[in-house]
Amino acid sequence: MSNIEQTLSIIKPDAVERNLQDQIKNEFKNNGFEILKEKKIHISKEEAEKFYKVHESKPFYNDLCAYLSSGPIVVMSLQKDNAVLENRKFMGATNPKDAEEGTLRKKYGISIDKNSVHGSDSVENAKIELDFFFKD
């Protein structure tokens, strides 16, 4: 039985700066993800703070917000069977040094902060995050 879900993926500023967005999009397509919507945007620090509100109490919150708003990003709505979990696995560990071979963060991530991609961590958050960027 299929369990088609949608999840948010963000190609972060470090990857866009290195012009990796087409490569990363192809990686998703080659791994069975369908890209339903995408756009390249540059968000403000205030928007980043709203987006990462769930992490507000964490010590890395300010750096995270400053980083996400530091340059253009590509936001995408991905669809696949069990998209949220599949995308988490495909991205790899937050720290590229700990990520498994073949994962996006292992291939493209520079550091724990500049790890090239973001993905929703639950079906509920995927809905919230997709609405944040793709409210019609």
N, C-alpha and C. Protein backbone atom coordinates (compact mmCIF):
# COMPACT_ATOMS: atom_id res chain seq x y z
N MET A 1 0.84 -1.20 0.00
CA MET A 1 0.00 0.00 0.00
C MET A 1 0.88 1.25 0.00
N SER A 2 0.53 2.20 -0.83
CA SER A 2 1.39 3.38 -0.89
C SER A 2 0.97 4.43 0.14
N ASN A 3 1.94 5.20 0.55
CA ASN A 3 1.71 6.25 1.53
C ASN A 3 2.37 7.52 0.99
N ILE A 4 1.75 8.09 -0.05
CA ILE A 4 2.31 9.26 -0.71
C ILE A 4 2.25 10.46 0.24
N GLU A 5 3.39 11.08 0.44
CA GLU A 5 3.49 12.27 1.29
C GLU A 5 4.22 13.37 0.55
N GLN A 6 4.07 14.56 1.08
CA GLN A 6 4.86 15.69 0.60
C GLN A 6 5.73 16.17 1.75
N THR A 7 6.90 16.65 1.38
CA THR A 7 7.81 17.19 2.39
C THR A 7 8.51 18.41 1.82
N LEU A 8 8.98 19.25 2.71
CA LEU A 8 9.72 20.43 2.27
C LEU A 8 11.20 20.10 2.22
N SER A 9 11.84 20.55 1.17
CA SER A 9 13.30 20.48 1.10
C SER A 9 13.81 21.87 0.79
N ILE A 10 14.87 22.24 1.47
CA ILE A 10 15.53 23.53 1.18
C ILE A 10 16.97 23.24 0.78
N ILE A 11 17.36 23.79 -0.35
CA ILE A 11 18.78 23.79 -0.71
C ILE A 11 19.32 25.08 -0.12
N LYS A 12 20.20 24.92 0.86
CA LYS A 12 20.64 26.05 1.68
C LYS A 12 21.67 26.95 0.96
N PRO A 13 21.92 28.14 1.54
CA PRO A 13 22.81 29.12 0.89
C PRO A 13 24.19 28.58 0.48
N ASP A 14 24.78 27.70 1.30
CA ASP A 14 26.13 27.22 0.93
C ASP A 14 26.10 26.42 -0.37
N ALA A 15 25.03 25.65 -0.59
CA ALA A 15 24.93 24.83 -1.80
C ALA A 15 24.56 25.69 -3.01
N VAL A 16 23.68 26.69 -2.80
CA VAL A 16 23.29 27.58 -3.90
C VAL A 16 24.50 28.42 -4.34
N GLU A 17 25.26 28.87 -3.34
CA GLU A 17 26.47 29.66 -3.60
C GLU A 17 27.46 28.86 -4.48
N ARG A 18 27.52 27.55 -4.24
CA ARG A 18 28.41 26.69 -5.02
C ARG A 18 27.72 26.15 -6.28
N ASN A 19 26.54 26.68 -6.56
CA ASN A 19 25.80 26.34 -7.77
C ASN A 19 25.46 24.85 -7.88
N LEU A 20 25.06 24.26 -6.77
CA LEU A 20 24.77 22.83 -6.73
C LEU A 20 23.28 22.50 -6.86
N GLN A 21 22.43 23.53 -7.03
CA GLN A 21 21.00 23.26 -6.98
C GLN A 21 20.52 22.27 -8.05
N ASP A 22 21.05 22.36 -9.28
CA ASP A 22 20.59 21.42 -10.32
C ASP A 22 21.05 20.00 -10.00
N GLN A 23 22.29 19.88 -9.54
CA GLN A 23 22.82 18.57 -9.14
C GLN A 23 21.97 17.95 -8.04
N ILE A 24 21.66 18.74 -7.02
CA ILE A 24 20.88 18.23 -5.89
C ILE A 24 19.46 17.88 -6.34
N LYS A 25 18.85 18.71 -7.20
CA LYS A 25 17.51 18.41 -7.71
C LYS A 25 17.53 17.08 -8.48
N ASN A 26 18.57 16.87 -9.27
CA ASN A 26 18.69 15.61 -10.02
C ASN A 26 18.84 14.42 -9.08
N GLU A 27 19.57 14.62 -7.99
CA GLU A 27 19.72 13.55 -6.99
C GLU A 27 18.35 13.14 -6.46
N PHE A 28 17.51 14.15 -6.15
CA PHE A 28 16.16 13.84 -5.66
C PHE A 28 15.37 13.05 -6.71
N LYS A 29 15.40 13.54 -7.96
CA LYS A 29 14.65 12.87 -9.03
C LYS A 29 15.15 11.44 -9.23
N ASN A 30 16.47 11.25 -9.20
CA ASN A 30 17.04 9.92 -9.40
C ASN A 30 16.72 8.99 -8.24
N ASN A 31 16.30 9.55 -7.11
CA ASN A 31 15.94 8.73 -5.96
C ASN A 31 14.42 8.64 -5.77
N GLY A 32 13.69 8.89 -6.84
CA GLY A 32 12.25 8.66 -6.84
C GLY A 32 11.39 9.78 -6.28
N PHE A 33 12.00 10.92 -5.97
CA PHE A 33 11.20 12.06 -5.51
C PHE A 33 10.67 12.83 -6.71
N GLU A 34 9.45 13.30 -6.59
CA GLU A 34 8.89 14.18 -7.60
C GLU A 34 8.94 15.59 -7.02
N ILE A 35 9.45 16.55 -7.79
CA ILE A 35 9.48 17.95 -7.34
C ILE A 35 8.20 18.60 -7.84
N LEU A 36 7.27 18.85 -6.90
CA LEU A 36 5.97 19.41 -7.26
C LEU A 36 6.03 20.91 -7.49
N LYS A 37 6.76 21.58 -6.62
CA LYS A 37 6.90 23.04 -6.70
C LYS A 37 8.31 23.39 -6.30
N GLU A 38 8.82 24.47 -6.87
CA GLU A 38 10.13 24.96 -6.43
C GLU A 38 10.25 26.43 -6.73
N LYS A 39 11.03 27.11 -5.93
CA LYS A 39 11.34 28.51 -6.21
C LYS A 39 12.62 28.90 -5.51
N LYS A 40 13.32 29.82 -6.14
CA LYS A 40 14.56 30.34 -5.56
C LYS A 40 14.20 31.68 -4.93
N ILE A 41 14.51 31.82 -3.65
CA ILE A 41 14.14 33.03 -2.92
C ILE A 41 15.28 33.44 -1.99
N HIS A 42 15.19 34.65 -1.50
CA HIS A 42 16.13 35.12 -0.48
C HIS A 42 15.26 35.63 0.66
N ILE A 43 15.28 34.92 1.79
CA ILE A 43 14.41 35.33 2.90
C ILE A 43 15.14 36.25 3.86
N SER A 44 14.36 37.04 4.57
CA SER A 44 14.94 37.96 5.56
C SER A 44 15.24 37.19 6.85
N LYS A 45 16.01 37.79 7.72
CA LYS A 45 16.31 37.17 9.01
C LYS A 45 15.00 36.97 9.80
N GLU A 46 14.08 37.94 9.69
CA GLU A 46 12.80 37.83 10.39
C GLU A 46 12.00 36.62 9.90
N GLU A 47 12.01 36.41 8.59
CA GLU A 47 11.31 35.24 8.02
C GLU A 47 11.97 33.95 8.49
N ALA A 48 13.29 33.95 8.52
CA ALA A 48 14.02 32.76 8.99
C ALA A 48 13.69 32.48 10.45
N GLU A 49 13.56 33.53 11.25
CA GLU A 49 13.21 33.37 12.67
C GLU A 49 11.83 32.75 12.82
N LYS A 50 10.88 33.16 11.96
CA LYS A 50 9.54 32.57 11.98
C LYS A 50 9.62 31.11 11.56
N PHE A 51 10.38 30.85 10.50
CA PHE A 51 10.48 29.49 9.97
C PHE A 51 11.07 28.53 11.01
N TYR A 52 12.12 28.98 11.69
CA TYR A 52 12.82 28.11 12.66
C TYR A 52 12.32 28.30 14.10
N LYS A 53 11.11 28.87 14.25
CA LYS A 53 10.57 29.16 15.58
C LYS A 53 10.65 27.96 16.53
N VAL A 54 10.49 26.74 16.00
CA VAL A 54 10.54 25.53 16.85
C VAL A 54 11.88 25.39 17.57
N HIS A 55 12.94 26.01 17.01
CA HIS A 55 14.28 25.90 17.60
C HIS A 55 14.66 27.12 18.45
N GLU A 56 13.68 27.99 18.69
CA GLU A 56 13.93 29.28 19.35
C GLU A 56 14.74 29.16 20.65
N SER A 57 14.49 28.12 21.42
CA SER A 57 15.16 27.99 22.72
C SER A 57 16.57 27.40 22.61
N LYS A 58 16.93 26.93 21.44
CA LYS A 58 18.21 26.24 21.29
C LYS A 58 19.36 27.23 21.10
N PRO A 59 20.56 26.87 21.52
CA PRO A 59 21.71 27.79 21.45
C PRO A 59 22.09 28.18 20.01
N PHE A 60 21.79 27.31 19.05
CA PHE A 60 22.20 27.59 17.67
C PHE A 60 21.17 28.41 16.88
N TYR A 61 20.06 28.77 17.53
CA TYR A 61 18.93 29.43 16.84
C TYR A 61 19.34 30.68 16.05
N ASN A 62 20.06 31.60 16.70
CA ASN A 62 20.42 32.85 16.01
C ASN A 62 21.31 32.61 14.80
N ASP A 63 22.30 31.73 14.97
CA ASP A 63 23.21 31.42 13.86
C ASP A 63 22.45 30.78 12.71
N LEU A 64 21.53 29.89 13.05
CA LEU A 64 20.73 29.19 12.05
C LEU A 64 19.93 30.19 11.23
N CYS A 65 19.29 31.13 11.90
CA CYS A 65 18.47 32.14 11.23
C CYS A 65 19.33 33.07 10.37
N ALA A 66 20.47 33.47 10.92
CA ALA A 66 21.37 34.34 10.17
C ALA A 66 21.87 33.62 8.91
N TYR A 67 22.18 32.35 9.07
CA TYR A 67 22.69 31.57 7.95
C TYR A 67 21.64 31.36 6.86
N LEU A 68 20.42 30.95 7.24
CA LEU A 68 19.38 30.68 6.23
C LEU A 68 19.05 31.94 5.44
N SER A 69 19.21 33.10 6.07
CA SER A 69 18.88 34.36 5.39
C SER A 69 20.12 35.02 4.76
N SER A 70 21.25 34.31 4.75
CA SER A 70 22.51 34.91 4.28
C SER A 70 22.67 34.92 2.76
N GLY A 71 21.81 34.21 2.07
CA GLY A 71 21.90 34.18 0.61
C GLY A 71 20.70 33.46 0.04
N PRO A 72 20.63 33.38 -1.30
CA PRO A 72 19.48 32.71 -1.92
C PRO A 72 19.39 31.24 -1.50
N ILE A 73 18.16 30.76 -1.41
CA ILE A 73 17.88 29.35 -1.14
C ILE A 73 16.90 28.85 -2.20
N VAL A 74 16.84 27.54 -2.36
CA VAL A 74 15.83 26.95 -3.24
C VAL A 74 14.92 26.11 -2.36
N VAL A 75 13.62 26.45 -2.35
CA VAL A 75 12.65 25.69 -1.57
C VAL A 75 11.85 24.82 -2.53
N MET A 76 11.63 23.58 -2.11
CA MET A 76 10.93 22.62 -2.97
C MET A 76 9.90 21.83 -2.18
N SER A 77 8.83 21.51 -2.86
CA SER A 77 7.86 20.55 -2.34
C SER A 77 8.14 19.23 -3.04
N LEU A 78 8.55 18.23 -2.25
CA LEU A 78 8.87 16.91 -2.79
C LEU A 78 7.76 15.93 -2.47
N GLN A 79 7.52 15.01 -3.38
CA GLN A 79 6.49 13.99 -3.14
C GLN A 79 7.06 12.61 -3.44
N LYS A 80 6.68 11.66 -2.60
CA LYS A 80 7.14 10.28 -2.74
C LYS A 80 6.42 9.45 -1.69
N ASP A 81 6.47 8.14 -1.83
CA ASP A 81 6.01 7.26 -0.76
C ASP A 81 6.85 7.56 0.49
N ASN A 82 6.20 7.77 1.62
CA ASN A 82 6.92 8.06 2.87
C ASN A 82 7.98 9.15 2.70
N ALA A 83 7.61 10.23 2.03
CA ALA A 83 8.56 11.29 1.64
C ALA A 83 9.34 11.86 2.81
N VAL A 84 8.69 12.07 3.95
CA VAL A 84 9.37 12.71 5.08
C VAL A 84 10.54 11.85 5.55
N LEU A 85 10.26 10.59 5.83
CA LEU A 85 11.30 9.68 6.30
C LEU A 85 12.36 9.41 5.23
N GLU A 86 11.90 9.21 4.00
CA GLU A 86 12.83 8.94 2.89
C GLU A 86 13.79 10.12 2.69
N ASN A 87 13.26 11.34 2.79
CA ASN A 87 14.10 12.52 2.62
C ASN A 87 15.09 12.65 3.77
N ARG A 88 14.65 12.35 5.00
CA ARG A 88 15.56 12.42 6.16
C ARG A 88 16.73 11.46 5.95
N LYS A 89 16.41 10.25 5.50
CA LYS A 89 17.47 9.25 5.26
C LYS A 89 18.40 9.71 4.15
N PHE A 90 17.81 10.26 3.08
CA PHE A 90 18.59 10.68 1.91
C PHE A 90 19.50 11.87 2.22
N MET A 91 19.04 12.75 3.13
CA MET A 91 19.87 13.90 3.50
C MET A 91 21.08 13.47 4.31
N GLY A 92 20.87 12.52 5.21
CA GLY A 92 21.96 12.08 6.08
C GLY A 92 22.01 12.88 7.37
N ALA A 93 22.94 12.51 8.24
CA ALA A 93 23.08 13.15 9.55
C ALA A 93 23.33 14.64 9.41
N THR A 94 22.89 15.40 10.42
CA THR A 94 23.05 16.86 10.42
C THR A 94 24.51 17.25 10.21
N ASN A 95 25.42 16.52 10.87
CA ASN A 95 26.84 16.79 10.69
C ASN A 95 27.35 15.93 9.53
N PRO A 96 27.80 16.58 8.44
CA PRO A 96 28.27 15.81 7.27
C PRO A 96 29.34 14.77 7.60
N LYS A 97 30.14 15.03 8.63
CA LYS A 97 31.18 14.07 9.03
C LYS A 97 30.57 12.74 9.50
N ASP A 98 29.36 12.83 10.08
CA ASP A 98 28.68 11.63 10.59
C ASP A 98 27.72 11.01 9.57
N ALA A 99 27.50 11.70 8.46
CA ALA A 99 26.52 11.24 7.47
C ALA A 99 27.06 10.01 6.71
N GLU A 100 26.13 9.14 6.34
CA GLU A 100 26.51 7.94 5.60
C GLU A 100 26.90 8.29 4.18
N GLU A 101 27.79 7.46 3.60
CA GLU A 101 28.19 7.61 2.20
C GLU A 101 26.94 7.65 1.32
N GLY A 102 26.98 8.48 0.31
CA GLY A 102 25.87 8.54 -0.64
C GLY A 102 24.77 9.51 -0.25
N THR A 103 24.78 10.00 1.00
CA THR A 103 23.75 10.96 1.40
C THR A 103 24.13 12.36 0.90
N LEU A 104 23.13 13.22 0.80
CA LEU A 104 23.37 14.58 0.30
C LEU A 104 24.35 15.35 1.17
N ARG A 105 24.20 15.22 2.48
CA ARG A 105 25.09 15.99 3.37
C ARG A 105 26.52 15.45 3.32
N LYS A 106 26.70 14.15 3.12
CA LYS A 106 28.04 13.59 2.98
C LYS A 106 28.70 14.13 1.71
N LYS A 107 27.91 14.17 0.63
CA LYS A 107 28.44 14.62 -0.66
C LYS A 107 28.69 16.13 -0.72
N TYR A 108 27.74 16.92 -0.17
CA TYR A 108 27.77 18.36 -0.40
C TYR A 108 27.98 19.21 0.84
N GLY A 109 27.68 18.67 2.01
CA GLY A 109 27.77 19.47 3.23
C GLY A 109 29.21 19.86 3.54
N ILE A 110 29.38 21.05 4.09
CA ILE A 110 30.70 21.57 4.45
C ILE A 110 30.95 21.39 5.95
N SER A 111 29.89 21.65 6.73
CA SER A 111 30.02 21.61 8.19
C SER A 111 28.64 21.36 8.79
N ILE A 112 28.59 21.24 10.10
CA ILE A 112 27.31 21.03 10.78
C ILE A 112 26.35 22.20 10.51
N ASP A 113 26.88 23.40 10.35
CA ASP A 113 26.05 24.57 10.05
C ASP A 113 25.73 24.65 8.56
N LYS A 114 26.76 24.47 7.76
CA LYS A 114 26.59 24.57 6.30
C LYS A 114 26.44 23.16 5.73
N ASN A 115 25.28 22.55 6.02
CA ASN A 115 25.10 21.16 5.61
C ASN A 115 24.24 21.01 4.36
N SER A 116 24.10 22.09 3.62
CA SER A 116 23.55 22.12 2.26
C SER A 116 22.05 21.90 2.09
N VAL A 117 21.42 21.10 2.94
CA VAL A 117 19.99 20.83 2.75
C VAL A 117 19.22 20.80 4.07
N HIS A 118 17.95 21.16 3.98
CA HIS A 118 17.02 21.05 5.11
C HIS A 118 15.87 20.18 4.64
N GLY A 119 15.32 19.37 5.54
CA GLY A 119 14.11 18.62 5.23
C GLY A 119 13.22 18.57 6.45
N SER A 120 11.93 18.54 6.22
CA SER A 120 10.97 18.46 7.33
C SER A 120 11.22 17.21 8.15
N ASP A 121 10.98 17.30 9.48
CA ASP A 121 11.29 16.16 10.35
C ASP A 121 10.06 15.35 10.76
N SER A 122 8.88 15.77 10.31
CA SER A 122 7.66 14.99 10.59
C SER A 122 6.60 15.39 9.56
N VAL A 123 5.58 14.55 9.44
CA VAL A 123 4.50 14.85 8.51
C VAL A 123 3.80 16.15 8.90
N GLU A 124 3.63 16.35 10.21
CA GLU A 124 2.97 17.58 10.71
C GLU A 124 3.81 18.80 10.35
N ASN A 125 5.12 18.73 10.61
CA ASN A 125 5.98 19.87 10.30
C ASN A 125 6.10 20.10 8.80
N ALA A 126 6.04 19.03 8.02
CA ALA A 126 6.09 19.18 6.57
C ALA A 126 4.94 20.07 6.10
N LYS A 127 3.75 19.82 6.64
CA LYS A 127 2.59 20.63 6.26
C LYS A 127 2.80 22.09 6.63
N ILE A 128 3.27 22.33 7.86
CA ILE A 128 3.52 23.70 8.34
C ILE A 128 4.59 24.38 7.47
N GLU A 129 5.68 23.65 7.23
CA GLU A 129 6.79 24.23 6.47
C GLU A 129 6.42 24.48 5.01
N LEU A 130 5.66 23.58 4.40
CA LEU A 130 5.22 23.78 3.01
C LEU A 130 4.31 24.99 2.93
N ASP A 131 3.40 25.12 3.90
CA ASP A 131 2.52 26.28 3.93
C ASP A 131 3.29 27.59 4.09
N PHE A 132 4.38 27.51 4.85
CA PHE A 132 5.20 28.71 5.08
C PHE A 132 5.72 29.27 3.76
N PHE A 133 6.19 28.39 2.87
CA PHE A 133 6.79 28.85 1.62
C PHE A 133 5.85 28.83 0.42
N PHE A 134 4.81 28.01 0.46
CA PHE A 134 3.97 27.84 -0.72
C PHE A 134 2.49 28.12 -0.45
N LYS A 135 2.22 29.11 0.39
CA LYS A 135 0.81 29.49 0.61
C LYS A 135 0.31 30.07 -0.70
N ASP A 136 -0.77 29.52 -1.18
CA ASP A 136 -1.31 30.05 -2.46
C ASP A 136 -2.39 31.08 -2.19
